[in-house]
Every structure is written in C-alpha cells, then in structure tokens.
Amino acid sequence: MIQVFCSKRGTGKSKKLIELANERILISKGDSVYIDDDARRRMQLRGKIRFIDTNELGVLDSDSFYGLLCGIISQNYDVENVYVDALSNIINQNISGSNNLFKKLQEFSQRYNLSIFINLNCECIDDLPDFIKEYVA
C-alpha cells in the first residue's frame, strides 16, 4: 500500500508523518523505517523506528532511492512501514517525472507487504499527475 500526503511547504506534513510513524509503531508487528534528506527530525521519532538520512548515503535520484529501499528490505525482511519525507527533495527531480518510480514502489510494496507513506510538497492537488493522485490520502 502506498499513501501520499501532499500540501504546500510549511503546512506541517513532516510533523504529521512523524506522529503517524510514532502511533503506528505501537500497533505494528513489524519494523518501521523513516527516510528523510534532513536529520533534524531524528530525535522526534520513537527509538524503535530506524531513521535514514539520504544525504549521508549519497541518494541523489530515483534509481538510488529505489536501491536504498531494496537494501533496507534485503537487510531486514521484518520491515512493515516505510515513511518518506519530502520525496522530491530526495530524488532531486520534479515529481511529475517519477512515474516509473511509483510503478516500482507499488510493485515493491505488494511484493514485500509494505505500507509506504510519502510526503510531497505541492501547491495544488489538482496539479499532481494522475499516477500520484490515486495514492493521495
């Protein structure tokens, strides 16, 4: 399952994603991973949630981001939830050009029974490509 949360920059998406991660870890049977391009929020997460700073790992595009996800799962098959904050910042591209990435994420989430929650900055939900609109919560 993929869920996308989108709204304007500065509206509290990151705070809500952190709250969601902290709430779900209490009821989840599996592990959780929070991926961000900024380490400032690391201390806001419960200790059981693994935090990954993509800047430390050189994740620069959608291919390296997908490779990171594959590495996470190959290291730990018990991951149940993945939280991605500011995906467009991580992959350094306009989100409208990420159709292939979202196809891979959908297949990946189904294959490994993952819930993937993604924050996107957008001015208007109507401006999102159709391949993303189907995942908007």
N, C-alpha and C. Protein backbone atom coordinates (compact mmCIF):
# COMPACT_ATOMS: atom_id res chain seq x y z
N MET A 1 0.83 -1.17 0.00
CA MET A 1 0.00 0.00 0.00
C MET A 1 0.88 1.24 0.00
N ILE A 2 0.50 2.20 -0.81
CA ILE A 2 1.17 3.49 -0.84
C ILE A 2 0.15 4.56 -0.50
N GLN A 3 0.54 5.48 0.38
CA GLN A 3 -0.28 6.64 0.69
C GLN A 3 0.58 7.87 0.52
N VAL A 4 0.05 8.86 -0.20
CA VAL A 4 0.77 10.10 -0.43
C VAL A 4 0.03 11.23 0.28
N PHE A 5 0.78 12.00 1.04
CA PHE A 5 0.25 13.19 1.70
C PHE A 5 0.88 14.39 1.01
N CYS A 6 0.06 15.29 0.52
CA CYS A 6 0.64 16.44 -0.15
C CYS A 6 -0.11 17.72 0.19
N SER A 7 0.67 18.75 0.35
CA SER A 7 0.16 20.10 0.55
C SER A 7 1.35 21.04 0.43
N LYS A 8 1.10 22.31 0.64
CA LYS A 8 2.15 23.32 0.48
C LYS A 8 3.25 23.13 1.51
N ARG A 9 4.42 23.61 1.15
CA ARG A 9 5.57 23.59 2.05
C ARG A 9 5.22 24.41 3.30
N GLY A 10 5.57 23.88 4.47
CA GLY A 10 5.35 24.60 5.71
C GLY A 10 3.99 24.40 6.34
N THR A 11 3.22 23.42 5.88
CA THR A 11 1.88 23.20 6.43
C THR A 11 1.84 22.10 7.49
N GLY A 12 2.97 21.54 7.86
CA GLY A 12 3.00 20.55 8.93
C GLY A 12 2.96 19.11 8.47
N LYS A 13 3.28 18.84 7.21
CA LYS A 13 3.27 17.46 6.70
C LYS A 13 4.27 16.58 7.45
N SER A 14 5.47 17.11 7.68
CA SER A 14 6.50 16.32 8.36
C SER A 14 6.08 15.99 9.78
N LYS A 15 5.53 16.95 10.47
CA LYS A 15 5.07 16.73 11.84
C LYS A 15 4.00 15.63 11.88
N LYS A 16 3.07 15.68 10.92
CA LYS A 16 2.01 14.67 10.87
C LYS A 16 2.56 13.29 10.52
N LEU A 17 3.56 13.25 9.62
CA LEU A 17 4.16 11.97 9.25
C LEU A 17 4.89 11.37 10.44
N ILE A 18 5.56 12.19 11.21
CA ILE A 18 6.24 11.71 12.42
C ILE A 18 5.23 11.19 13.43
N GLU A 19 4.14 11.92 13.62
CA GLU A 19 3.08 11.46 14.52
C GLU A 19 2.51 10.12 14.06
N LEU A 20 2.29 9.99 12.76
CA LEU A 20 1.77 8.72 12.22
C LEU A 20 2.75 7.59 12.49
N ALA A 21 4.03 7.83 12.24
CA ALA A 21 5.04 6.79 12.47
C ALA A 21 5.09 6.40 13.95
N ASN A 22 5.05 7.39 14.83
CA ASN A 22 5.11 7.11 16.26
C ASN A 22 3.87 6.38 16.76
N GLU A 23 2.71 6.66 16.18
CA GLU A 23 1.48 5.96 16.56
C GLU A 23 1.47 4.54 16.03
N ARG A 24 1.85 4.37 14.77
CA ARG A 24 1.79 3.04 14.14
C ARG A 24 2.81 2.07 14.71
N ILE A 25 3.93 2.57 15.23
CA ILE A 25 4.93 1.66 15.78
C ILE A 25 4.37 0.93 17.01
N LEU A 26 3.41 1.54 17.67
CA LEU A 26 2.81 0.93 18.86
C LEU A 26 1.90 -0.25 18.51
N ILE A 27 1.36 -0.26 17.30
CA ILE A 27 0.43 -1.34 16.91
C ILE A 27 0.99 -2.25 15.82
N SER A 28 2.13 -1.88 15.25
CA SER A 28 2.72 -2.66 14.17
C SER A 28 3.43 -3.89 14.73
N LYS A 29 3.34 -4.97 13.99
CA LYS A 29 4.07 -6.18 14.37
C LYS A 29 5.49 -6.15 13.82
N GLY A 30 5.66 -5.46 12.68
CA GLY A 30 6.97 -5.39 12.05
C GLY A 30 7.72 -4.12 12.40
N ASP A 31 8.84 -3.93 11.72
CA ASP A 31 9.70 -2.78 11.96
C ASP A 31 9.29 -1.61 11.07
N SER A 32 9.77 -0.42 11.43
CA SER A 32 9.47 0.80 10.69
C SER A 32 10.76 1.54 10.37
N VAL A 33 10.77 2.19 9.20
CA VAL A 33 11.91 2.96 8.74
C VAL A 33 11.41 4.33 8.30
N TYR A 34 12.10 5.38 8.74
CA TYR A 34 11.76 6.76 8.37
C TYR A 34 12.92 7.30 7.54
N ILE A 35 12.61 7.72 6.31
CA ILE A 35 13.64 8.19 5.38
C ILE A 35 13.43 9.68 5.14
N ASP A 36 14.51 10.45 5.29
CA ASP A 36 14.43 11.89 5.11
C ASP A 36 15.77 12.39 4.56
N ASP A 37 15.76 13.57 3.97
CA ASP A 37 17.00 14.16 3.48
C ASP A 37 17.57 15.15 4.48
N ASP A 38 17.02 15.15 5.68
CA ASP A 38 17.40 16.11 6.71
C ASP A 38 17.31 15.42 8.07
N ALA A 39 18.39 15.44 8.83
CA ALA A 39 18.46 14.70 10.10
C ALA A 39 17.82 15.43 11.27
N ARG A 40 17.26 16.62 11.05
CA ARG A 40 16.70 17.40 12.16
C ARG A 40 15.60 16.66 12.91
N ARG A 41 14.86 15.82 12.24
CA ARG A 41 13.69 15.17 12.88
C ARG A 41 14.01 13.84 13.54
N ARG A 42 15.23 13.42 13.48
CA ARG A 42 15.64 12.12 14.02
C ARG A 42 15.20 11.93 15.47
N MET A 43 15.36 12.93 16.28
CA MET A 43 15.07 12.82 17.72
C MET A 43 13.57 12.87 18.03
N GLN A 44 12.74 13.19 17.06
CA GLN A 44 11.30 13.24 17.28
C GLN A 44 10.64 11.87 17.12
N LEU A 45 11.38 10.92 16.62
CA LEU A 45 10.85 9.58 16.38
C LEU A 45 11.11 8.67 17.58
N ARG A 46 10.20 7.75 17.81
CA ARG A 46 10.40 6.74 18.85
C ARG A 46 11.65 5.93 18.52
N GLY A 47 12.29 5.44 19.56
CA GLY A 47 13.55 4.73 19.40
C GLY A 47 13.48 3.48 18.55
N LYS A 48 12.31 2.87 18.43
CA LYS A 48 12.19 1.63 17.66
C LYS A 48 12.12 1.88 16.15
N ILE A 49 12.01 3.15 15.74
CA ILE A 49 11.92 3.49 14.32
C ILE A 49 13.32 3.81 13.80
N ARG A 50 13.73 3.11 12.78
CA ARG A 50 15.05 3.35 12.20
C ARG A 50 14.99 4.60 11.33
N PHE A 51 15.91 5.52 11.55
CA PHE A 51 15.98 6.75 10.77
C PHE A 51 17.12 6.66 9.77
N ILE A 52 16.83 7.04 8.52
CA ILE A 52 17.86 7.04 7.48
C ILE A 52 17.91 8.42 6.85
N ASP A 53 19.10 9.02 6.88
CA ASP A 53 19.34 10.32 6.26
C ASP A 53 19.95 10.05 4.88
N THR A 54 19.21 10.38 3.84
CA THR A 54 19.67 10.08 2.48
C THR A 54 20.90 10.88 2.08
N ASN A 55 21.12 12.03 2.70
CA ASN A 55 22.32 12.82 2.38
C ASN A 55 23.58 12.10 2.81
N GLU A 56 23.51 11.33 3.89
CA GLU A 56 24.67 10.58 4.36
C GLU A 56 25.02 9.43 3.42
N LEU A 57 24.03 8.98 2.64
CA LEU A 57 24.24 7.80 1.80
C LEU A 57 24.40 8.13 0.32
N GLY A 58 24.33 9.40 -0.04
CA GLY A 58 24.52 9.79 -1.44
C GLY A 58 23.35 9.43 -2.34
N VAL A 59 22.14 9.41 -1.80
CA VAL A 59 20.96 9.14 -2.61
C VAL A 59 20.61 10.42 -3.35
N LEU A 60 20.70 10.36 -4.69
CA LEU A 60 20.55 11.57 -5.49
C LEU A 60 19.45 11.52 -6.54
N ASP A 61 18.92 10.34 -6.80
CA ASP A 61 17.91 10.22 -7.85
C ASP A 61 16.98 9.06 -7.55
N SER A 62 16.01 8.84 -8.42
CA SER A 62 15.02 7.80 -8.15
C SER A 62 15.63 6.40 -8.17
N ASP A 63 16.63 6.18 -9.01
CA ASP A 63 17.27 4.86 -9.05
C ASP A 63 18.01 4.55 -7.75
N SER A 64 18.75 5.52 -7.23
CA SER A 64 19.47 5.28 -5.98
C SER A 64 18.50 5.20 -4.80
N PHE A 65 17.37 5.92 -4.88
CA PHE A 65 16.35 5.80 -3.82
C PHE A 65 15.75 4.40 -3.83
N TYR A 66 15.42 3.89 -5.00
CA TYR A 66 14.87 2.54 -5.10
C TYR A 66 15.91 1.52 -4.62
N GLY A 67 17.17 1.73 -4.96
CA GLY A 67 18.23 0.85 -4.48
C GLY A 67 18.33 0.86 -2.96
N LEU A 68 18.13 2.03 -2.35
CA LEU A 68 18.13 2.14 -0.89
C LEU A 68 17.01 1.28 -0.31
N LEU A 69 15.82 1.36 -0.88
CA LEU A 69 14.70 0.54 -0.39
C LEU A 69 15.00 -0.95 -0.52
N CYS A 70 15.59 -1.34 -1.64
CA CYS A 70 15.95 -2.75 -1.82
C CYS A 70 16.97 -3.18 -0.76
N GLY A 71 17.93 -2.32 -0.46
CA GLY A 71 18.91 -2.63 0.57
C GLY A 71 18.29 -2.75 1.95
N ILE A 72 17.32 -1.90 2.24
CA ILE A 72 16.64 -1.94 3.53
C ILE A 72 15.93 -3.28 3.70
N ILE A 73 15.21 -3.71 2.68
CA ILE A 73 14.46 -4.96 2.76
C ILE A 73 15.39 -6.17 2.75
N SER A 74 16.45 -6.11 1.96
CA SER A 74 17.36 -7.26 1.93
C SER A 74 18.05 -7.46 3.27
N GLN A 75 18.19 -6.39 4.04
CA GLN A 75 18.83 -6.46 5.36
C GLN A 75 17.83 -6.86 6.44
N ASN A 76 16.53 -6.54 6.21
CA ASN A 76 15.54 -6.78 7.25
C ASN A 76 14.17 -7.04 6.61
N TYR A 77 13.81 -8.29 6.50
CA TYR A 77 12.51 -8.66 5.91
C TYR A 77 11.33 -8.35 6.83
N ASP A 78 11.60 -7.93 8.05
CA ASP A 78 10.53 -7.63 9.00
C ASP A 78 10.01 -6.20 8.90
N VAL A 79 10.54 -5.41 7.95
CA VAL A 79 10.07 -4.03 7.79
C VAL A 79 8.62 -4.07 7.29
N GLU A 80 7.77 -3.35 7.99
CA GLU A 80 6.34 -3.30 7.67
C GLU A 80 5.92 -1.93 7.16
N ASN A 81 6.56 -0.87 7.69
CA ASN A 81 6.19 0.51 7.34
C ASN A 81 7.43 1.29 6.94
N VAL A 82 7.28 2.05 5.85
CA VAL A 82 8.34 2.95 5.39
C VAL A 82 7.72 4.34 5.25
N TYR A 83 8.35 5.31 5.87
CA TYR A 83 7.90 6.70 5.83
C TYR A 83 8.93 7.51 5.08
N VAL A 84 8.50 8.24 4.05
CA VAL A 84 9.42 9.01 3.22
C VAL A 84 9.00 10.47 3.28
N ASP A 85 9.87 11.29 3.83
CA ASP A 85 9.57 12.71 3.97
C ASP A 85 10.23 13.48 2.82
N ALA A 86 9.44 14.29 2.12
CA ALA A 86 9.91 15.17 1.03
C ALA A 86 10.61 14.37 -0.08
N LEU A 87 9.87 13.47 -0.69
CA LEU A 87 10.43 12.62 -1.74
C LEU A 87 11.08 13.42 -2.86
N SER A 88 10.46 14.50 -3.29
CA SER A 88 11.02 15.28 -4.40
C SER A 88 12.39 15.86 -4.05
N ASN A 89 12.63 16.16 -2.77
CA ASN A 89 13.96 16.63 -2.36
C ASN A 89 14.98 15.50 -2.40
N ILE A 90 14.55 14.31 -2.05
CA ILE A 90 15.45 13.16 -2.00
C ILE A 90 15.89 12.76 -3.41
N ILE A 91 14.94 12.70 -4.34
CA ILE A 91 15.28 12.21 -5.68
C ILE A 91 15.72 13.33 -6.62
N ASN A 92 15.70 14.57 -6.13
CA ASN A 92 16.18 15.72 -6.90
C ASN A 92 15.59 15.81 -8.31
N GLN A 93 14.29 15.61 -8.41
CA GLN A 93 13.64 15.77 -9.70
C GLN A 93 12.21 16.20 -9.49
N ASN A 94 11.64 16.76 -10.52
CA ASN A 94 10.24 17.14 -10.48
C ASN A 94 9.42 15.87 -10.33
N ILE A 95 8.49 15.89 -9.42
CA ILE A 95 7.73 14.68 -9.10
C ILE A 95 6.90 14.19 -10.29
N SER A 96 6.56 15.07 -11.21
CA SER A 96 5.78 14.65 -12.37
C SER A 96 6.57 13.71 -13.28
N GLY A 97 7.89 13.69 -13.14
CA GLY A 97 8.71 12.79 -13.94
C GLY A 97 9.05 11.49 -13.24
N SER A 98 8.32 11.16 -12.19
CA SER A 98 8.65 9.97 -11.40
C SER A 98 7.66 8.83 -11.59
N ASN A 99 7.02 8.76 -12.72
CA ASN A 99 6.04 7.71 -13.00
C ASN A 99 6.66 6.32 -12.83
N ASN A 100 7.84 6.12 -13.37
CA ASN A 100 8.49 4.82 -13.27
C ASN A 100 8.79 4.45 -11.81
N LEU A 101 9.21 5.42 -11.02
CA LEU A 101 9.48 5.17 -9.61
C LEU A 101 8.21 4.71 -8.89
N PHE A 102 7.09 5.38 -9.13
CA PHE A 102 5.86 4.99 -8.45
C PHE A 102 5.38 3.61 -8.88
N LYS A 103 5.60 3.23 -10.13
CA LYS A 103 5.28 1.86 -10.55
C LYS A 103 6.12 0.86 -9.77
N LYS A 104 7.42 1.15 -9.64
CA LYS A 104 8.31 0.26 -8.89
C LYS A 104 7.90 0.19 -7.42
N LEU A 105 7.55 1.35 -6.85
CA LEU A 105 7.15 1.37 -5.44
C LEU A 105 5.89 0.55 -5.21
N GLN A 106 4.94 0.63 -6.12
CA GLN A 106 3.70 -0.15 -5.99
C GLN A 106 4.01 -1.64 -6.02
N GLU A 107 4.80 -2.08 -6.97
CA GLU A 107 5.18 -3.49 -7.06
C GLU A 107 5.96 -3.92 -5.82
N PHE A 108 6.87 -3.07 -5.39
CA PHE A 108 7.71 -3.34 -4.22
C PHE A 108 6.87 -3.50 -2.96
N SER A 109 5.91 -2.59 -2.78
CA SER A 109 5.07 -2.64 -1.58
C SER A 109 4.21 -3.90 -1.57
N GLN A 110 3.74 -4.31 -2.73
CA GLN A 110 2.93 -5.54 -2.81
C GLN A 110 3.79 -6.78 -2.58
N ARG A 111 4.96 -6.82 -3.19
CA ARG A 111 5.83 -7.99 -3.08
C ARG A 111 6.27 -8.23 -1.64
N TYR A 112 6.57 -7.16 -0.92
CA TYR A 112 7.10 -7.31 0.44
C TYR A 112 6.08 -6.92 1.52
N ASN A 113 4.83 -6.75 1.12
CA ASN A 113 3.75 -6.43 2.06
C ASN A 113 4.10 -5.21 2.93
N LEU A 114 4.50 -4.14 2.26
CA LEU A 114 4.91 -2.91 2.93
C LEU A 114 3.82 -1.85 2.82
N SER A 115 3.75 -1.02 3.83
CA SER A 115 2.98 0.21 3.76
C SER A 115 3.99 1.33 3.59
N ILE A 116 3.85 2.11 2.52
CA ILE A 116 4.77 3.20 2.23
C ILE A 116 3.99 4.50 2.31
N PHE A 117 4.44 5.40 3.17
CA PHE A 117 3.80 6.70 3.36
C PHE A 117 4.76 7.77 2.86
N ILE A 118 4.30 8.63 1.96
CA ILE A 118 5.17 9.59 1.30
C ILE A 118 4.61 11.01 1.46
N ASN A 119 5.48 11.94 1.85
CA ASN A 119 5.13 13.36 1.87
C ASN A 119 5.64 14.02 0.60
N LEU A 120 4.78 14.82 -0.01
CA LEU A 120 5.15 15.60 -1.20
C LEU A 120 4.75 17.05 -1.00
N ASN A 121 5.59 17.95 -1.45
CA ASN A 121 5.23 19.36 -1.48
C ASN A 121 4.50 19.63 -2.79
N CYS A 122 3.33 20.22 -2.70
CA CYS A 122 2.60 20.61 -3.91
C CYS A 122 1.70 21.78 -3.58
N GLU A 123 1.55 22.65 -4.54
CA GLU A 123 0.71 23.82 -4.37
C GLU A 123 -0.76 23.46 -4.45
N CYS A 124 -1.09 22.54 -5.35
CA CYS A 124 -2.49 22.18 -5.57
C CYS A 124 -2.56 20.71 -5.96
N ILE A 125 -3.40 19.96 -5.30
CA ILE A 125 -3.53 18.53 -5.58
C ILE A 125 -3.96 18.29 -7.02
N ASP A 126 -4.73 19.21 -7.56
CA ASP A 126 -5.19 19.06 -8.95
C ASP A 126 -4.04 19.10 -9.94
N ASP A 127 -2.90 19.68 -9.56
CA ASP A 127 -1.73 19.77 -10.44
C ASP A 127 -0.90 18.49 -10.45
N LEU A 128 -1.21 17.56 -9.54
CA LEU A 128 -0.45 16.31 -9.49
C LEU A 128 -0.76 15.43 -10.69
N PRO A 129 0.22 14.66 -11.15
CA PRO A 129 -0.05 13.70 -12.22
C PRO A 129 -1.03 12.62 -11.74
N ASP A 130 -1.76 12.05 -12.66
CA ASP A 130 -2.77 11.04 -12.32
C ASP A 130 -2.16 9.83 -11.61
N PHE A 131 -0.92 9.46 -11.98
CA PHE A 131 -0.31 8.28 -11.35
C PHE A 131 -0.02 8.51 -9.86
N ILE A 132 -0.02 9.74 -9.41
CA ILE A 132 0.14 10.03 -7.98
C ILE A 132 -1.20 10.24 -7.31
N LYS A 133 -2.15 10.85 -8.02
CA LYS A 133 -3.46 11.15 -7.44
C LYS A 133 -4.14 9.92 -6.86
N GLU A 134 -3.92 8.76 -7.47
CA GLU A 134 -4.57 7.54 -6.98
C GLU A 134 -4.09 7.13 -5.58
N TYR A 135 -2.95 7.67 -5.16
CA TYR A 135 -2.39 7.33 -3.85
C TYR A 135 -2.62 8.41 -2.79
N VAL A 136 -3.17 9.55 -3.18
CA VAL A 136 -3.33 10.67 -2.25
C VAL A 136 -4.36 10.32 -1.19
N ALA A 137 -3.97 10.53 0.07
CA ALA A 137 -4.85 10.22 1.21
C ALA A 137 -5.76 11.39 1.50
